[in-house]
């Protein structure tokens, strides 16, 4: 142990050399990584789970700082967090993504606190690393479910409204235009009545996928009602481009859809509105697109209509 820093106390050396003390036996039995350092950031000890985490033995860790053991960038992150805790005192809890010695990337939560061992004359911090990878995965799945329509597996109304508000925020801050298409399946009630709700769900799923295939990656399609979809088009307001896209959406939606041994044909009507020309908030933009959709349906369905640009912008909530 001649390469260990001279500052190590006799008590620390005793801890280092003994795996049979009560403290070491107890923390070794804990499957969660545990480590402790002195007030200058040098490792005083750890358990076997921490050794497996960093891929280093306790003998290699004790007496050394993070800068002697890890890559500079990672060492800096560890050092800054430790220094903040030692300066403030109390406890510290935070989440991070870390790379284990086996190469796996995991989500973890650090729980750390300062301590002072008066008998040995040692103060520092102790930390526990909790693996929360599975919890984060489940949380992500639930978040995705909250944003996804259960029938079509595309974004739902809540997700659409969140994205629309964000797009209108960019409009207010940087002037980025936003266009909206409301798309309604023509005579969808008749499909449910004549062919059943299973066939109706098949139609909804296929139309949703066809809409998604036509739009650009930065655009968004969502199911916002029973047979109503919305397409959000950030940074788009050119009437010719909107008319071309609407025509493609109508063309794709009109192709027969197989449901079991049947081929069912449907059509869509589309209402289009643009911000800031027609509206300056999401509610008003939806209202304008809905009015345009009504006009499309009154014109015979299976067509699109752009909101009358001669009308004043709608600002009411």
Protein backbone atom coordinates (compact mmCIF):
# COMPACT_ATOMS: atom_id res chain seq x y z
CA UNK A 1 0.00 0.00 0.00
CA UNK A 2 2.98 2.31 -0.42
CA UNK A 3 1.23 4.17 -3.22
CA UNK A 4 -1.65 5.23 -0.96
CA UNK A 5 -1.65 8.93 0.14
CA UNK A 6 0.09 9.56 3.44
CA UNK A 7 -2.91 11.54 4.67
CA UNK A 8 -4.90 8.34 5.23
CA UNK A 9 -5.55 7.84 8.92
CA UNK A 10 -4.94 4.61 10.78
CA UNK A 11 -8.69 4.14 11.07
CA UNK A 12 -9.12 4.39 7.32
CA UNK A 13 -6.28 1.96 6.73
CA UNK A 14 -7.94 -0.48 9.08
CA UNK A 15 -11.18 -0.22 7.12
CA UNK A 16 -9.29 -0.73 3.88
CA UNK A 17 -7.53 -3.89 4.98
CA UNK A 18 -10.46 -5.59 6.67
CA UNK A 19 -13.44 -7.19 4.95
CA UNK A 20 -14.62 -8.64 8.25
CA UNK A 21 -15.66 -5.54 10.17
CA UNK A 22 -19.37 -5.21 10.90
CA UNK A 23 -19.61 -2.06 8.76
CA UNK A 24 -17.99 -3.66 5.71
CA UNK A 25 -19.90 -6.92 6.09
CA UNK A 26 -23.19 -5.01 6.29
CA UNK A 27 -22.64 -2.74 3.29
CA UNK A 28 -21.25 -5.62 1.22
CA UNK A 29 -24.53 -7.41 1.78
CA UNK A 30 -26.47 -4.50 0.27
CA UNK A 31 -26.99 -5.04 -3.50
CA UNK A 32 -27.11 -1.29 -4.15
CA UNK A 33 -23.80 0.55 -4.77
CA UNK A 34 -22.60 2.45 -1.67
CA UNK A 35 -19.53 4.67 -1.38
CA UNK A 36 -18.13 7.20 1.06
CA UNK A 37 -15.47 9.91 0.74
CA UNK A 38 -13.64 12.31 3.02
CA UNK A 39 -14.15 16.07 2.92
CA UNK A 40 -11.40 16.42 0.30
CA UNK A 41 -13.13 14.05 -2.09
CA UNK A 42 -10.95 10.96 -1.54
CA UNK A 43 -12.67 7.60 -1.37
CA UNK A 44 -12.74 6.12 2.11
CA UNK A 45 -14.58 2.94 1.20
CA UNK A 46 -17.39 1.28 -0.72
CA UNK A 47 -19.25 -2.01 -0.99
CA UNK A 48 -18.93 -4.79 -3.53
CA UNK A 49 -21.88 -3.50 -5.55
CA UNK A 50 -20.02 -0.20 -6.04
CA UNK A 51 -16.89 -2.09 -7.09
CA UNK A 52 -18.96 -3.85 -9.75
CA UNK A 53 -20.47 -0.53 -10.80
CA UNK A 54 -17.13 1.22 -11.44
CA UNK A 55 -15.12 -1.88 -12.34
CA UNK A 56 -12.49 -1.15 -9.69
CA UNK A 57 -11.62 -2.83 -6.42
CA UNK A 58 -11.93 -1.10 -3.08
CA UNK A 59 -8.15 -1.18 -2.75
CA UNK A 60 -7.85 0.73 -6.04
CA UNK A 61 -10.42 3.31 -4.94
CA UNK A 62 -9.52 4.15 -1.35
CA UNK A 63 -7.40 7.25 -0.96
CA UNK A 64 -7.93 8.46 -4.50
CA UNK A 65 -10.09 11.22 -5.97
CA UNK A 66 -12.40 11.00 -8.96
CA UNK A 67 -9.80 12.82 -11.06
CA UNK A 68 -7.36 9.94 -10.53
CA UNK A 69 -9.92 7.29 -11.43
CA UNK A 70 -12.29 8.50 -14.14
CA UNK A 71 -12.30 10.36 -17.44
CA UNK A 72 -11.89 14.15 -16.98
CA UNK A 73 -15.43 15.10 -18.01
CA UNK A 74 -17.07 12.48 -15.80
CA UNK A 75 -14.71 13.32 -12.94
CA UNK A 76 -15.66 16.99 -13.23
CA UNK A 77 -19.38 16.16 -12.98
CA UNK A 78 -18.82 14.00 -9.89
CA UNK A 79 -16.54 16.59 -8.28
CA UNK A 80 -18.94 19.50 -8.80
CA UNK A 81 -21.84 17.56 -7.29
CA UNK A 82 -19.74 16.46 -4.31
CA UNK A 83 -18.37 19.96 -3.72
CA UNK A 84 -21.87 21.46 -3.75
CA UNK A 85 -23.02 18.93 -1.15
CA UNK A 86 -19.99 19.37 1.11
CA UNK A 87 -20.41 23.14 0.98
CA UNK A 88 -24.17 23.18 1.57
CA UNK A 89 -24.36 20.23 3.96
CA UNK A 90 -27.44 18.09 4.44
CA UNK A 91 -28.55 15.79 1.65
CA UNK A 92 -28.41 15.68 -2.13
CA UNK A 93 -30.66 13.72 -4.49
CA UNK A 94 -30.46 13.77 -8.27
CA UNK A 95 -30.97 11.56 -11.30
CA UNK A 96 -28.39 10.78 -13.97
CA UNK A 97 -27.62 8.40 -16.80
CA UNK A 98 -24.43 6.47 -16.14
CA UNK A 99 -22.35 3.82 -17.86
CA UNK A 100 -21.66 0.77 -15.74
CA UNK A 101 -18.40 -1.13 -15.94
CA UNK A 102 -20.16 -3.82 -18.01
CA UNK A 103 -20.89 -1.20 -20.69
CA UNK A 104 -24.63 -0.87 -20.00
CA UNK A 105 -26.22 2.58 -19.81
CA UNK A 106 -28.60 2.91 -16.88
CA UNK A 107 -30.79 5.51 -15.27
CA UNK A 108 -29.82 5.97 -11.64
CA UNK A 109 -30.69 8.15 -8.68
CA UNK A 110 -27.92 9.38 -6.40
CA UNK A 111 -28.80 9.78 -2.72
CA UNK A 112 -25.95 11.47 -0.84
CA UNK A 113 -25.47 13.10 2.56
CA UNK A 114 -22.64 14.55 4.62
CA UNK A 115 -21.39 12.82 7.77
CA UNK A 116 -18.99 13.50 10.61
CA UNK A 117 -17.36 10.63 12.52
CA UNK A 118 -16.12 12.34 15.67
CA UNK A 119 -14.38 9.26 17.10
CA UNK A 120 -12.17 8.79 14.03
CA UNK A 121 -11.97 12.52 13.29
CA UNK A 122 -13.25 12.02 9.76
CA UNK A 123 -15.93 13.98 7.91
CA UNK A 124 -17.15 13.65 4.37
CA UNK A 125 -20.06 12.31 2.38
CA UNK A 126 -21.76 8.99 1.80
CA UNK A 127 -23.67 8.06 -1.32
CA UNK A 128 -26.06 5.38 -2.52
CA UNK A 129 -26.80 4.72 -6.20
CA UNK A 130 -30.28 3.38 -6.95
CA UNK A 131 -30.88 1.80 -10.36
CA UNK A 132 -34.16 3.28 -11.64
CA UNK A 133 -33.84 2.10 -15.25
CA UNK A 134 -36.96 -0.06 -15.13
CA UNK A 135 -38.97 2.67 -13.41
CA UNK A 136 -37.93 5.23 -16.03
CA UNK A 137 -38.87 2.79 -18.78
CA UNK A 138 -42.34 2.31 -17.30
CA UNK A 139 -42.75 6.07 -16.84
CA UNK A 140 -41.82 6.62 -20.48
CA UNK A 141 -44.32 4.00 -21.59
CA UNK A 142 -47.09 5.63 -19.54
CA UNK A 143 -46.21 9.07 -20.94
CA UNK A 144 -46.40 7.65 -24.44
CA UNK A 145 -49.76 6.04 -23.70
CA UNK A 146 -51.06 9.37 -22.42
CA UNK A 147 -50.16 10.98 -25.76
CA UNK A 148 -51.34 8.16 -28.04
CA UNK A 149 -54.76 7.36 -29.45
CA UNK A 150 -55.58 3.78 -28.49
CA UNK A 151 -57.29 2.87 -31.78
CA UNK A 152 -55.01 4.40 -34.43
CA UNK A 153 -51.72 4.51 -32.43
CA UNK A 154 -51.06 8.08 -33.58
CA UNK A 155 -51.05 11.18 -31.38
CA UNK A 156 -54.25 11.97 -29.51
CA UNK A 157 -56.03 15.26 -28.87
CA UNK A 158 -54.00 16.04 -25.75
CA UNK A 159 -50.74 15.55 -27.63
CA UNK A 160 -52.04 17.64 -30.52
CA UNK A 161 -53.04 20.53 -28.28
CA UNK A 162 -49.66 20.49 -26.56
CA UNK A 163 -47.83 20.59 -29.91
CA UNK A 164 -50.17 23.25 -31.28
CA UNK A 165 -49.58 25.48 -28.26
CA UNK A 166 -45.83 25.06 -28.69
CA UNK A 167 -46.07 25.94 -32.39
CA UNK A 168 -48.14 29.06 -31.60
CA UNK A 169 -45.54 29.98 -28.99
CA UNK A 170 -42.84 29.88 -31.69
CA UNK A 171 -45.09 32.02 -33.85
CA UNK A 172 -45.34 34.63 -31.11
CA UNK A 173 -41.61 34.59 -30.36
CA UNK A 174 -40.03 34.22 -33.78
CA UNK A 175 -42.82 34.70 -36.28
CA UNK A 176 -42.83 31.07 -37.48
CA UNK A 177 -46.15 30.52 -39.31
CA UNK A 178 -48.45 27.59 -38.51
CA UNK A 179 -51.10 25.90 -40.63
CA UNK A 180 -53.79 23.50 -39.52
CA UNK A 181 -55.91 20.99 -41.40
CA UNK A 182 -59.01 19.48 -39.84
CA UNK A 183 -59.93 16.24 -41.61
CA UNK A 184 -63.28 14.54 -41.23
CA UNK A 185 -64.18 11.12 -42.66
CA UNK A 186 -67.22 11.43 -44.89
CA UNK A 187 -70.26 9.34 -43.88
CA UNK A 188 -68.30 7.41 -41.28
CA UNK A 189 -71.44 6.68 -39.27
CA UNK A 190 -72.75 4.68 -42.22
CA UNK A 191 -69.62 2.54 -42.20
CA UNK A 192 -70.11 1.69 -38.53
CA UNK A 193 -73.83 1.04 -39.03
CA UNK A 194 -73.45 -1.11 -42.15
CA UNK A 195 -70.16 -2.91 -41.48
CA UNK A 196 -69.74 -2.79 -37.71
CA UNK A 197 -67.37 -1.00 -35.35
CA UNK A 198 -64.53 -3.44 -36.01
CA UNK A 199 -64.55 -2.37 -39.65
CA UNK A 200 -64.84 1.24 -38.52
CA UNK A 201 -61.72 0.92 -36.37
CA UNK A 202 -59.88 -0.66 -39.30
CA UNK A 203 -60.82 2.32 -41.46
CA UNK A 204 -59.60 4.76 -38.81
CA UNK A 205 -56.26 2.98 -38.44
CA UNK A 206 -55.64 2.77 -42.18
CA UNK A 207 -56.60 6.41 -42.81
CA UNK A 208 -54.32 7.50 -39.96
CA UNK A 209 -51.37 5.63 -41.48
CA UNK A 210 -52.05 7.03 -44.93
CA UNK A 211 -52.18 10.57 -43.57
CA UNK A 212 -48.90 10.01 -41.74
CA UNK A 213 -47.23 8.69 -44.90
CA UNK A 214 -48.13 11.81 -46.87
CA UNK A 215 -47.04 14.50 -44.39
CA UNK A 216 -43.45 15.56 -43.70
CA UNK A 217 -41.48 14.31 -40.65
CA UNK A 218 -41.78 17.70 -38.91
CA UNK A 219 -45.56 17.76 -39.39
CA UNK A 220 -47.98 16.06 -37.04
CA UNK A 221 -51.17 14.07 -37.50
CA UNK A 222 -53.47 13.33 -34.57
CA UNK A 223 -56.88 11.86 -33.99
CA UNK A 224 -58.79 14.52 -32.09
CA UNK A 225 -62.31 13.10 -32.18
CA UNK A 226 -64.37 10.10 -33.25
CA UNK A 227 -63.73 10.34 -36.99
CA UNK A 228 -61.83 13.62 -37.02
CA UNK A 229 -58.10 14.09 -37.53
CA UNK A 230 -55.87 17.13 -37.36
CA UNK A 231 -52.67 17.81 -39.27
CA UNK A 232 -50.38 20.44 -37.76
CA UNK A 233 -47.98 22.06 -40.21
CA UNK A 234 -45.32 24.22 -38.53
CA UNK A 235 -43.56 26.78 -40.73
CA UNK A 236 -46.14 26.36 -43.51
CA UNK A 237 -48.66 28.83 -44.88
CA UNK A 238 -48.22 28.83 -48.67
CA UNK A 239 -51.73 28.32 -50.18
CA UNK A 240 -50.37 26.34 -53.16
CA UNK A 241 -48.41 23.98 -50.91
CA UNK A 242 -51.41 23.50 -48.65
CA UNK A 243 -53.71 22.83 -51.62
CA UNK A 244 -51.25 20.28 -53.04
CA UNK A 245 -50.96 18.48 -49.71
CA UNK A 246 -54.74 18.47 -49.19
CA UNK A 247 -55.24 16.96 -52.65
CA UNK A 248 -52.73 14.18 -51.83
CA UNK A 249 -54.46 13.45 -48.52
CA UNK A 250 -57.82 13.19 -50.26
CA UNK A 251 -56.37 10.96 -52.97
CA UNK A 252 -54.72 8.59 -50.50
CA UNK A 253 -57.79 8.39 -48.27
CA UNK A 254 -60.06 7.53 -51.22
CA UNK A 255 -58.28 4.26 -52.02
CA UNK A 256 -60.33 1.20 -50.98
CA UNK A 257 -59.54 -0.25 -47.57
CA UNK A 258 -59.69 -3.98 -46.94
CA UNK A 259 -61.65 -5.05 -43.86
CA UNK A 260 -61.82 -8.82 -43.78
CA UNK A 261 -63.24 -9.94 -47.12
CA UNK A 262 -64.66 -6.50 -47.92
CA UNK A 263 -63.25 -3.48 -49.71
CA UNK A 264 -64.65 -0.27 -48.23
CA UNK A 265 -64.26 3.12 -49.86
CA UNK A 266 -64.38 6.34 -47.89
CA UNK A 267 -63.54 9.96 -48.44
CA UNK A 268 -62.42 12.90 -46.38
CA UNK A 269 -63.30 16.57 -46.17
CA UNK A 270 -60.60 19.02 -45.13
CA UNK A 271 -60.73 22.50 -43.62
CA UNK A 272 -57.57 24.60 -43.61
CA UNK A 273 -56.59 27.67 -41.58
CA UNK A 274 -53.30 29.50 -41.09
CA UNK A 275 -51.72 31.55 -38.34
CA UNK A 276 -51.14 34.41 -38.02
CA UNK A 277 -53.21 35.30 -41.11
CA UNK A 278 -56.44 33.74 -39.86
CA UNK A 279 -55.89 33.43 -36.10
CA UNK A 280 -53.41 34.23 -33.36
CA UNK A 281 -54.09 31.44 -30.86
CA UNK A 282 -54.86 27.72 -30.96
CA UNK A 283 -58.55 28.02 -30.07
CA UNK A 284 -59.19 30.58 -32.79
CA UNK A 285 -57.16 28.60 -35.32
CA UNK A 286 -59.25 25.49 -34.59
CA UNK A 287 -62.41 27.53 -34.97
CA UNK A 288 -61.31 28.86 -38.37
CA UNK A 289 -60.31 25.39 -39.61
CA UNK A 290 -63.63 24.00 -38.37
CA UNK A 291 -65.53 26.68 -40.31
CA UNK A 292 -63.52 25.81 -43.40
CA UNK A 293 -64.30 22.11 -42.86
CA UNK A 294 -68.01 22.94 -42.72
CA UNK A 295 -67.66 24.73 -46.04
CA UNK A 296 -65.91 21.71 -47.57
CA UNK A 297 -68.72 19.41 -46.48
CA UNK A 298 -71.37 21.78 -47.78
CA UNK A 299 -69.59 21.78 -51.16
CA UNK A 300 -70.21 18.06 -51.59
CA UNK A 301 -67.59 16.42 -49.34
CA UNK A 302 -64.37 14.67 -50.44
CA UNK A 303 -62.77 18.08 -51.00
CA UNK A 304 -60.91 20.81 -49.12
CA UNK A 305 -61.58 24.44 -48.33
CA UNK A 306 -59.21 27.18 -47.16
CA UNK A 307 -60.67 29.54 -44.58
CA UNK A 308 -61.77 32.81 -46.17
CA UNK A 309 -58.65 34.96 -45.89
CA UNK A 310 -60.70 38.15 -46.29
CA UNK A 311 -62.19 37.67 -42.86
CA UNK A 312 -60.39 39.38 -39.93
CA UNK A 313 -58.07 37.32 -37.73
CA UNK A 314 -59.85 35.48 -34.94
CA UNK A 315 -58.41 36.34 -31.52
CA UNK A 316 -61.13 35.27 -29.11
CA UNK A 317 -60.44 32.42 -26.73
